[in-house]
Amino acid sequence: MDIIQDLYEHQSCANYEDANVNSNKRPIVELLEVAKNTITESDPTDFKIIFITKGSLLVSYGRNMDKSLGKGNMFLISPNSKYTINVIEDAKIVIFRLQNKRVELCERIGLERLYRLHEAPEDDFNPLKMRSPVSYLIKGVLTSLSDGLKCKYYLELKIKEFFYLIGAYYSKRELASFLFPLLSDDTSFSLFVYNNYNKVKTVQDLASLSNYSHSGFIKRFKKTFGIPAYQWMKMQKANRILHDIHYSDKTLKEICDEHDFSSLSQFNDFCKSNFGHPPSHLRKNKTNDKI
């Protein structure tokens, strides 16, 4: 059995990535082993890719309720997008956190080019099966993490390698669907929006954070995302509300107040308009189908 030499020297390095060192800052690559019947909820601050290497999960994300995913699947989660994982069988997952770093595909397959080549998919949650080269990469990462090799720079290289591999072994259409939340013809602007939209209440507030004039921000947003900023922010709000209704222990009044509705009546009207039913009906009648 191969072992890392002088492990203590690695662990004492400032670039050693360990979740136990600082609970407020998660490592860029992390291995989690989760027992059956565990339910976890997260509200990520970074884009992250989750690889399932063992077991099976029910994932609820956006308007996808309890999507069944087993070993060999991988999926992308956007910042400030709530999701819930219900572990059906003891599971082992690997997480890649992108932490605002620009994603680098092969120079011939940039994110902007993917955005221009393909229409937006119907959904922003599009898991993929891990093909052999990706599976081998993740197995190697598992071995490294288990042995204690957690150097930040090494793990950053593994993330870069992953993006080069998917650029080589997946079609452009598959990549466009999988990476859809990351795609735009203005990547730096879209990352700014994803990282900040949940910190504000209005489009004007978001425009102010960007140091653009309101009109300039509106134009750039429409050009980048293809829809008006108000409509996009309303969609994100709707997804978070739906998740809270289905998976949180909050009362409907608490959800109403948290999302800044002036009354339960206004909250009811919002749910009827966006989901076809009042919140009480949605909570009682959760299904596995999209609403």
Protein backbone atom coordinates (compact mmCIF):
# COMPACT_ATOMS: atom_id res chain seq x y z
CA MET A 1 0.00 0.00 0.00
CA ASP A 2 1.37 3.42 -1.01
CA ILE A 3 1.38 6.07 1.69
CA ILE A 4 2.13 9.79 1.63
CA GLN A 5 5.55 10.56 2.98
CA ASP A 6 5.85 13.08 5.84
CA LEU A 7 2.07 13.64 5.96
CA TYR A 8 2.41 16.06 8.87
CA GLU A 9 4.35 18.48 6.65
CA HIS A 10 1.47 18.50 4.18
CA GLN A 11 -1.12 18.98 6.92
CA SER A 12 0.76 21.88 8.48
CA CYS A 13 1.01 23.75 5.16
CA ALA A 14 -1.13 26.88 4.72
CA ASN A 15 -2.41 25.40 1.43
CA TYR A 16 -3.73 22.22 3.07
CA GLU A 17 -7.48 22.02 2.45
CA ASP A 18 -9.38 20.53 5.39
CA ALA A 19 -12.99 21.23 6.40
CA ASN A 20 -12.07 20.80 10.07
CA VAL A 21 -9.54 23.62 10.05
CA ASN A 22 -12.08 26.36 9.43
CA SER A 23 -15.75 25.39 9.40
CA ASN A 24 -16.71 28.66 7.73
CA LYS A 25 -14.66 27.92 4.63
CA ARG A 26 -15.24 24.66 2.86
CA PRO A 27 -12.41 23.03 0.87
CA ILE A 28 -12.51 23.34 -2.91
CA VAL A 29 -12.66 19.54 -3.20
CA GLU A 30 -14.36 17.50 -0.51
CA LEU A 31 -15.33 13.88 0.08
CA LEU A 32 -18.52 13.21 2.03
CA GLU A 33 -19.81 9.83 3.21
CA VAL A 34 -23.48 10.08 4.09
CA ALA A 35 -25.64 7.45 5.78
CA LYS A 36 -28.98 6.22 4.49
CA ASN A 37 -32.04 8.31 5.47
CA THR A 38 -29.92 11.42 6.00
CA ILE A 39 -31.53 14.58 4.68
CA THR A 40 -29.24 17.52 3.98
CA GLU A 41 -30.15 21.01 2.85
CA SER A 42 -27.76 23.57 1.48
CA ASP A 43 -27.73 27.13 0.20
CA PRO A 44 -24.37 27.26 -1.60
CA THR A 45 -22.32 30.40 -2.05
CA ASP A 46 -20.36 28.97 -5.00
CA PHE A 47 -21.01 26.97 -8.11
CA LYS A 48 -20.34 23.35 -7.26
CA ILE A 49 -20.33 20.02 -9.05
CA ILE A 50 -21.41 16.94 -7.13
CA PHE A 51 -20.24 13.46 -8.16
CA ILE A 52 -22.03 10.38 -6.80
CA THR A 53 -19.53 7.54 -6.40
CA LYS A 54 -21.65 5.26 -4.23
CA GLY A 55 -25.31 4.85 -3.26
CA SER A 56 -28.36 6.75 -4.48
CA LEU A 57 -29.97 10.09 -3.73
CA LEU A 58 -33.20 11.99 -4.20
CA VAL A 59 -32.23 15.52 -5.20
CA SER A 60 -34.63 18.46 -5.08
CA TYR A 61 -33.35 21.55 -6.81
CA GLY A 62 -35.21 24.47 -8.34
CA ARG A 63 -38.52 23.06 -9.56
CA ASN A 64 -37.22 19.49 -9.68
CA MET A 65 -38.70 17.52 -6.82
CA ASP A 66 -37.04 14.29 -5.64
CA LYS A 67 -35.07 13.50 -8.77
CA SER A 68 -33.55 10.03 -8.36
CA LEU A 69 -29.80 9.87 -9.06
CA GLY A 70 -27.49 6.93 -8.44
CA LYS A 71 -23.82 6.05 -8.56
CA GLY A 72 -22.02 7.42 -11.59
CA ASN A 73 -24.03 10.64 -11.93
CA MET A 74 -22.76 14.20 -11.64
CA PHE A 75 -24.66 17.49 -11.48
CA LEU A 76 -24.08 21.23 -11.21
CA ILE A 77 -25.55 23.49 -8.51
CA SER A 78 -25.66 27.31 -8.79
CA PRO A 79 -24.83 29.76 -5.99
CA ASN A 80 -27.71 30.91 -3.78
CA SER A 81 -29.94 28.11 -5.11
CA LYS A 82 -31.36 25.97 -2.33
CA TYR A 83 -31.30 22.22 -2.76
CA THR A 84 -32.13 19.20 -0.62
CA ILE A 85 -30.60 15.71 -0.79
CA ASN A 86 -32.36 12.71 0.70
CA VAL A 87 -29.98 9.72 0.91
CA ILE A 88 -31.77 6.54 -0.17
CA GLU A 89 -28.73 4.24 0.10
CA ASP A 90 -25.49 4.90 2.00
CA ALA A 91 -23.71 7.32 -0.29
CA LYS A 92 -20.27 8.66 -1.05
CA ILE A 93 -20.03 11.94 -2.94
CA VAL A 94 -17.23 14.19 -4.11
CA ILE A 95 -17.79 17.94 -4.34
CA PHE A 96 -15.89 20.35 -6.58
CA ARG A 97 -16.39 23.98 -5.49
CA LEU A 98 -15.59 26.47 -8.23
CA GLN A 99 -15.33 29.43 -5.83
CA ASN A 100 -15.77 32.20 -8.39
CA LYS A 101 -12.89 30.96 -10.51
CA ARG A 102 -13.38 31.13 -14.26
CA VAL A 103 -14.15 27.74 -15.74
CA GLU A 104 -11.58 26.73 -18.34
CA LEU A 105 -12.61 24.34 -21.08
CA CYS A 106 -10.50 23.56 -24.10
CA GLU A 107 -9.68 26.79 -25.93
CA ARG A 108 -11.84 25.59 -28.83
CA ILE A 109 -14.88 25.14 -26.56
CA GLY A 110 -15.29 28.28 -24.48
CA LEU A 111 -18.36 28.95 -22.36
CA GLU A 112 -19.29 31.91 -24.55
CA ARG A 113 -19.12 29.73 -27.66
CA LEU A 114 -21.33 27.06 -26.08
CA TYR A 115 -23.80 29.78 -25.17
CA ARG A 116 -23.97 31.01 -28.76
CA LEU A 117 -24.18 27.55 -30.32
CA HIS A 118 -27.09 26.05 -28.39
CA GLU A 119 -30.52 27.13 -27.24
CA ALA A 120 -31.23 27.19 -23.53
CA PRO A 121 -32.52 23.84 -22.22
CA GLU A 122 -35.97 23.68 -20.66
CA ASP A 123 -34.39 23.14 -17.25
CA ASP A 124 -31.25 24.40 -15.49
CA PHE A 125 -30.71 21.05 -13.74
CA ASN A 126 -29.27 18.55 -16.21
CA PRO A 127 -27.20 15.74 -14.61
CA LEU A 128 -24.79 13.69 -16.70
CA LYS A 129 -23.41 10.20 -16.39
CA MET A 130 -19.70 10.08 -15.64
CA ARG A 131 -17.89 8.56 -18.60
CA SER A 132 -14.78 6.45 -18.02
CA PRO A 133 -12.16 9.24 -18.15
CA VAL A 134 -14.13 11.29 -15.60
CA SER A 135 -14.71 8.23 -13.40
CA TYR A 136 -10.98 7.48 -13.40
CA LEU A 137 -10.24 11.09 -12.46
CA ILE A 138 -12.70 11.01 -9.55
CA LYS A 139 -11.34 7.65 -8.35
CA GLY A 140 -7.88 9.19 -8.27
CA VAL A 141 -9.20 12.18 -6.33
CA LEU A 142 -10.90 9.81 -3.86
CA THR A 143 -7.62 8.01 -3.28
CA SER A 144 -5.76 11.29 -2.76
CA LEU A 145 -8.32 12.63 -0.30
CA SER A 146 -8.47 9.34 1.63
CA ASP A 147 -4.65 9.28 1.87
CA GLY A 148 -4.59 12.87 3.12
CA LEU A 149 -3.29 14.61 -0.01
CA LYS A 150 -5.33 17.82 0.17
CA CYS A 151 -3.08 20.51 -1.27
CA LYS A 152 -5.14 23.40 -2.63
CA TYR A 153 -3.00 23.73 -5.76
CA TYR A 154 -3.14 20.02 -6.51
CA LEU A 155 -6.93 20.01 -6.14
CA GLU A 156 -7.27 23.07 -8.38
CA LEU A 157 -5.37 21.13 -11.05
CA LYS A 158 -7.83 18.24 -10.69
CA ILE A 159 -10.75 20.63 -11.26
CA LYS A 160 -9.04 22.02 -14.36
CA GLU A 161 -8.40 18.49 -15.59
CA PHE A 162 -12.08 17.66 -15.13
CA PHE A 163 -13.15 20.54 -17.38
CA TYR A 164 -10.67 19.58 -20.06
CA LEU A 165 -11.92 15.97 -19.95
CA ILE A 166 -15.60 16.85 -20.32
CA GLY A 167 -14.65 19.17 -23.18
CA ALA A 168 -13.10 16.16 -24.91
CA TYR A 169 -15.51 13.33 -24.06
CA TYR A 170 -18.94 15.01 -24.14
CA SER A 171 -20.78 16.61 -27.03
CA LYS A 172 -21.23 20.35 -27.13
CA ARG A 173 -24.98 19.88 -26.63
CA GLU A 174 -24.38 17.77 -23.50
CA LEU A 175 -21.96 20.38 -22.19
CA ALA A 176 -24.37 23.22 -22.91
CA SER A 177 -27.13 21.51 -20.92
CA PHE A 178 -24.92 20.43 -18.03
CA LEU A 179 -23.16 23.79 -17.68
CA PHE A 180 -26.18 25.91 -18.56
CA PRO A 181 -26.18 28.07 -15.39
CA LEU A 182 -22.54 28.97 -16.12
CA LEU A 183 -23.13 29.87 -19.76
CA SER A 184 -23.38 33.38 -21.12
CA ASP A 185 -21.61 35.58 -23.63
CA ASP A 186 -20.41 37.66 -20.68
CA THR A 187 -19.12 35.21 -18.08
CA SER A 188 -17.75 37.73 -15.59
CA PHE A 189 -21.07 39.59 -15.50
CA SER A 190 -23.13 36.40 -15.08
CA LEU A 191 -20.90 35.29 -12.19
CA PHE A 192 -21.42 38.67 -10.55
CA VAL A 193 -25.20 38.25 -10.84
CA TYR A 194 -25.22 34.71 -9.42
CA ASN A 195 -23.01 35.72 -6.51
CA ASN A 196 -24.99 38.81 -5.56
CA TYR A 197 -28.66 38.59 -6.57
CA ASN A 198 -29.69 37.02 -3.28
CA LYS A 199 -28.14 39.88 -1.30
CA VAL A 200 -30.61 42.43 -2.66
CA LYS A 201 -34.35 42.90 -2.98
CA THR A 202 -34.67 44.78 -6.27
CA VAL A 203 -33.06 45.05 -9.69
CA GLN A 204 -32.11 48.63 -8.80
CA ASP A 205 -30.19 47.37 -5.75
CA LEU A 206 -28.33 44.82 -7.88
CA ALA A 207 -27.53 47.48 -10.47
CA SER A 208 -26.10 49.69 -7.72
CA LEU A 209 -23.81 46.88 -6.56
CA SER A 210 -22.52 46.48 -10.12
CA ASN A 211 -21.60 50.19 -10.41
CA TYR A 212 -23.66 50.40 -13.59
CA SER A 213 -26.42 52.90 -14.22
CA HIS A 214 -29.84 51.31 -13.95
CA SER A 215 -30.41 51.50 -17.71
CA GLY A 216 -26.91 50.20 -18.47
CA PHE A 217 -27.37 47.27 -16.10
CA ILE A 218 -30.76 46.39 -17.61
CA LYS A 219 -29.30 46.33 -21.13
CA ARG A 220 -26.29 44.23 -20.14
CA PHE A 221 -28.46 41.81 -18.16
CA LYS A 222 -30.87 41.26 -21.06
CA LYS A 223 -27.97 40.74 -23.45
CA THR A 224 -26.28 38.26 -21.08
CA PHE A 225 -29.25 36.23 -19.79
CA GLY A 226 -31.70 36.67 -22.65
CA ILE A 227 -34.56 37.78 -20.39
CA PRO A 228 -35.27 40.94 -18.37
CA ALA A 229 -33.56 41.18 -14.98
CA TYR A 230 -36.86 41.49 -13.11
CA GLN A 231 -38.19 38.30 -14.72
CA TRP A 232 -35.00 36.36 -13.93
CA MET A 233 -34.94 37.49 -10.29
CA LYS A 234 -38.62 36.59 -9.94
CA MET A 235 -37.85 33.07 -11.24
CA GLN A 236 -35.05 32.62 -8.69
CA LYS A 237 -37.32 33.86 -5.90
CA ALA A 238 -40.04 31.45 -7.00
CA ASN A 239 -37.63 28.50 -6.93
CA ARG A 240 -36.46 29.34 -3.41
CA ILE A 241 -40.02 29.76 -2.18
CA LEU A 242 -41.10 26.43 -3.67
CA HIS A 243 -38.16 24.72 -2.00
CA ASP A 244 -39.03 26.28 1.37
CA ILE A 245 -42.66 25.20 1.07
CA HIS A 246 -41.73 21.60 0.30
CA TYR A 247 -38.68 21.03 2.46
CA SER A 248 -38.37 23.52 5.31
CA ASP A 249 -40.01 23.33 8.73
CA LYS A 250 -40.98 26.99 8.50
CA THR A 251 -44.63 27.91 8.74
CA LEU A 252 -46.21 29.45 5.66
CA LYS A 253 -46.38 32.74 7.55
CA GLU A 254 -42.63 32.56 8.22
CA ILE A 255 -41.94 31.87 4.52
CA CYS A 256 -44.24 34.74 3.60
CA ASP A 257 -42.39 37.16 5.88
CA GLU A 258 -38.92 35.91 4.94
CA HIS A 259 -39.60 36.60 1.27
CA ASP A 260 -40.96 40.08 1.94
CA PHE A 261 -44.62 39.61 1.06
CA SER A 262 -46.84 42.22 2.67
CA SER A 263 -49.56 39.69 3.53
CA LEU A 264 -50.50 36.03 3.27
CA SER A 265 -53.01 37.05 0.63
CA GLN A 266 -50.23 38.46 -1.56
CA PHE A 267 -48.18 35.30 -0.91
CA ASN A 268 -51.13 33.12 -1.96
CA ASP A 269 -51.56 35.12 -5.17
CA PHE A 270 -47.84 34.77 -5.97
CA CYS A 271 -47.96 30.98 -5.55
CA LYS A 272 -51.13 30.65 -7.62
CA SER A 273 -49.57 32.75 -10.39
CA ASN A 274 -46.24 30.89 -10.43
CA PHE A 275 -47.17 27.34 -9.39
CA GLY A 276 -50.89 27.09 -10.11
CA HIS A 277 -51.86 26.46 -6.47
CA PRO A 278 -51.84 28.25 -3.10
CA PRO A 279 -48.96 27.41 -0.73
CA SER A 280 -51.13 25.26 1.56
CA HIS A 281 -52.00 23.01 -1.38
CA LEU A 282 -48.35 22.81 -2.48
CA ARG A 283 -47.25 21.75 1.00
CA LYS A 284 -49.92 19.05 1.32
CA ASN A 285 -49.53 17.70 -2.19
CA LYS A 286 -45.80 17.45 -2.82
CA THR A 287 -45.17 15.15 -5.79
CA ASN A 288 -42.17 13.95 -7.75
CA ASP A 289 -43.30 15.93 -10.75
CA LYS A 290 -42.28 19.40 -11.77
CA ILE A 291 -44.83 22.03 -10.82
